[in-house]
Amino acid sequence: MNTGRGVFLAIEGTDGSGKGTQFKKLAERLSAEGYDVETFDFPQYEQPSSYFVREYLNGNYGGANDVGPYTSSLFYALDRFEAAPKIREALAAGKVVLSNRFVGSSMAHQGTKFRHAEERRGFFIWLDNLEFEMLRIPRPTASFVLRVPAEVAQQLVGQKEKRIYTDKTHDIHEADIDHLKKSVTVYDDLCQLFPKDFARIDCTRDDKLLGVDVIHDILWQKIEPMLPPKRRKKKPASAEVSLPTPVLSAPAPKEGAQTPDEPPAASPEKPPLPTAHLEGMHLALRDLSILTAKKLERGRLATYVELPSHLIAYDQKDGNGNYRYYVPPYFEPALQEKYRAHLDQIFNLYSEMVRSLCEYLEKESGVLQNDRDESWRSGVRLQALEAVRGVLPAAANTTVGVYGSTQALESLVHNLLSDPLPEAYETAKALLIEARQHAPAFMEGTDLAGDVAYRTTAAKKLSTLARQHLPVQYANPSTGVHLADVWPRNEFDLLPDMLYQHSNLSVADLRTAVAEWSYNQKVDVFDAYIGDRSHRNQRPGRALEKAHYSWDLVCDFDTFRDLQRHRMVDSLEWQELTPRYGYAMPAVIEQADLVDQYESCFDLSLRLHSLLQEMGYTYESQYATLQGHKMRWKVTYNAREAFQLHEIRTSPHNKPEVRALVQAMHEKLSQVHPLLGEAMKFAASES
């Protein structure tokens, strides 16, 4: 029965399959038939949200195989996330939402990067969870896959009109016939695995392409039964104001810039702009240090995507002959010289180790010479970069894409302006200035100076008291995973919450009743609530949000960076970076006889860290720490989110260090809450 809500239809298929033509014809026919239609075309090349997609497709991050499927999928997901509110609004209005490409395109194109079907299917589940669960992007009612053989499709690509995102006739996907063939195979796999979500439309007969109108009729026959009741269109009483979403670029502070005493003032001469008109902003923050990037990504209200380190040529110098790292402009010349000298030595050693490790991995590889193509060499380099990444300092530059509402950006500005690190303050200033050029009233309704002063004063007082009353201890714990607190202690205390909506009793009466039950009765209810889960996207209900776990963790900075991207937690805090917790030696570094170079990087880091602290630059000394250094941090999340975090982060696509840490966390959770631990059956145990 049709509920009166809209229908969301996506047109999928390989490049050159005729999606654009059928998309246009379908939109025209739906309108002619009297349906209220809202169309979307992904990627949104004319929108700032597609910045990373355009850079990727133009090959600015390397070839398609240089960028992993999980990384590139984030680029496309954020573009769809930007359009999600408009899609939801159209569906709520009962419209037919028609999309040219959607999540299925990412599954198909990025799915070609997996050699094994099982790994690819794990990727499908991960991406489905990312887009529809974490980012809450609307799920299409149905996706229709136009199937055209790769050879035919590539010929049709050459007939396309000029695209705005590239000046080439074929982007990096279209130019690769092998990629197109694999895309067809992966689309076939999607249609077989998820028949309720993906419907295949064969566009050829006897290897000959069907006519446009014939394909359209086949498509219409499948779509027509899904359509909602027709709605009479009304002419709007007045035109709506649509504001562009700007890309904000916050450059690093210029040489000689001083840290101001007060945050930037508002611009009272400009008329106020209703914030309701501004759905969100996109920011591209470039040349940030990794240290400040982590501070930037602290907030939970915005969405972040950080350029992966293997896409930044840290082993090469820029046009000015400098390695890519941040230098505080307020350091006196003598200190700047010493700072650069230490970091240059670290980057020289990093570059040397990347080259040496590539040679070692090529020598040890069992791949035949004839099979060592460009894709294979890119894979070898990526493996080397992953192994040596631990010596990159927190001062290394990175780029972060941010999308957030005005509320999220206000919180972001407040946090950065209140941070004691001058680079964070300067980043907030640049962000605020750029935002006000596009939205003059941005943050004018807040007491910015007063709010920042309040936060800063409170933090300083607390820091002073901590130094006065707490001992300083740098221990190197034997284990990095400690379950600091768990509530409730007995997981059966969740039963009243599980039963609440299925009874007419008060919480107090439910507790009294459950307390009298036998163990088997309690287990029966518990198991029924968890249900028979067939994949990890099926999470139990919200009664589990009552249970919480607080962790005190020690791991390397690089692992923390990975896990910090998991946004769905109740709280996450970390202590200042320091070299005093030590580091681990990757096995491949020992095998390649690069131990001396690797250890030299950490020796240089320790000397620079000590030098900066002696000079009074306590916060800036963190720039000297390396990604391989261990750090201490804490995180709290509920049991329902534990299902997602534990099951996703122990899957094979994660780095070994991430998997090992979360596996240890899952084992400790299972010790205190064995039924919940067992219910997380897609959390991979350590082999």
Foldseek 3Di string as FASTA:
>chain_A
DDPLFAAEEEEAEFAQLCLVVLLVVVVVVCVVVQFAEDEEEPPPLVAPLLVVVLCVQQQLLHFPLLAALVQNLVSRLSSLLVCQVVVVVCRRNHGHYYYHDDSLHSLLLNLLNDPDPVVSVLVVVVSCCVRCPVSVRDAGQAYEYRAAALVNSLVSLQVDDQDPSDRDSGTSQSVDSVSSNSSNVSLVVCCVVCVSHYHYQYQDDPNHGHDPVVSSVVVCVVCVVVGDDRDHDDDDPDDDDAAGADEAEQEFDDAPDDQDPFADAADVVDDADPLVRFFKHKYKYWLAFLVLVLLLLQDLFKAKRWDDPSSDPQLDADPVRAGAFDQPNPDDPVLSVLVRVLLVLLSPLLNVQLVLQLVVCVVPDPDDPVPCDPSNSSVSSVVSCVQSQQLQFSRGIIIMMMMHRLVRLVVSLLSQCLDPDSRSNSSSNSRVVRVCVRRSCRCVVDPSRVSSVVSNVVVVVVVVVCVVPPDDDQDQDPFFKDFPDKPPLAPLLLLLVLCVVVDPDDSVVSVVVSVPDDPVVSVVSVDVQLDDDPDLSDFGDDSQQVIKIKIKGKAFQLLVVVVSSPSQFDHKDWDQDDQRNDFDRDPSCVVSVNVVSSVVSSVSLNVQLVVCVVVVNPNVNSRSRGRRGMTIMMTMHTLRVLLVCQLSQLDPVHDPRSNVRSLVVLVVVCVSVVVSSVSSVNRDHDD
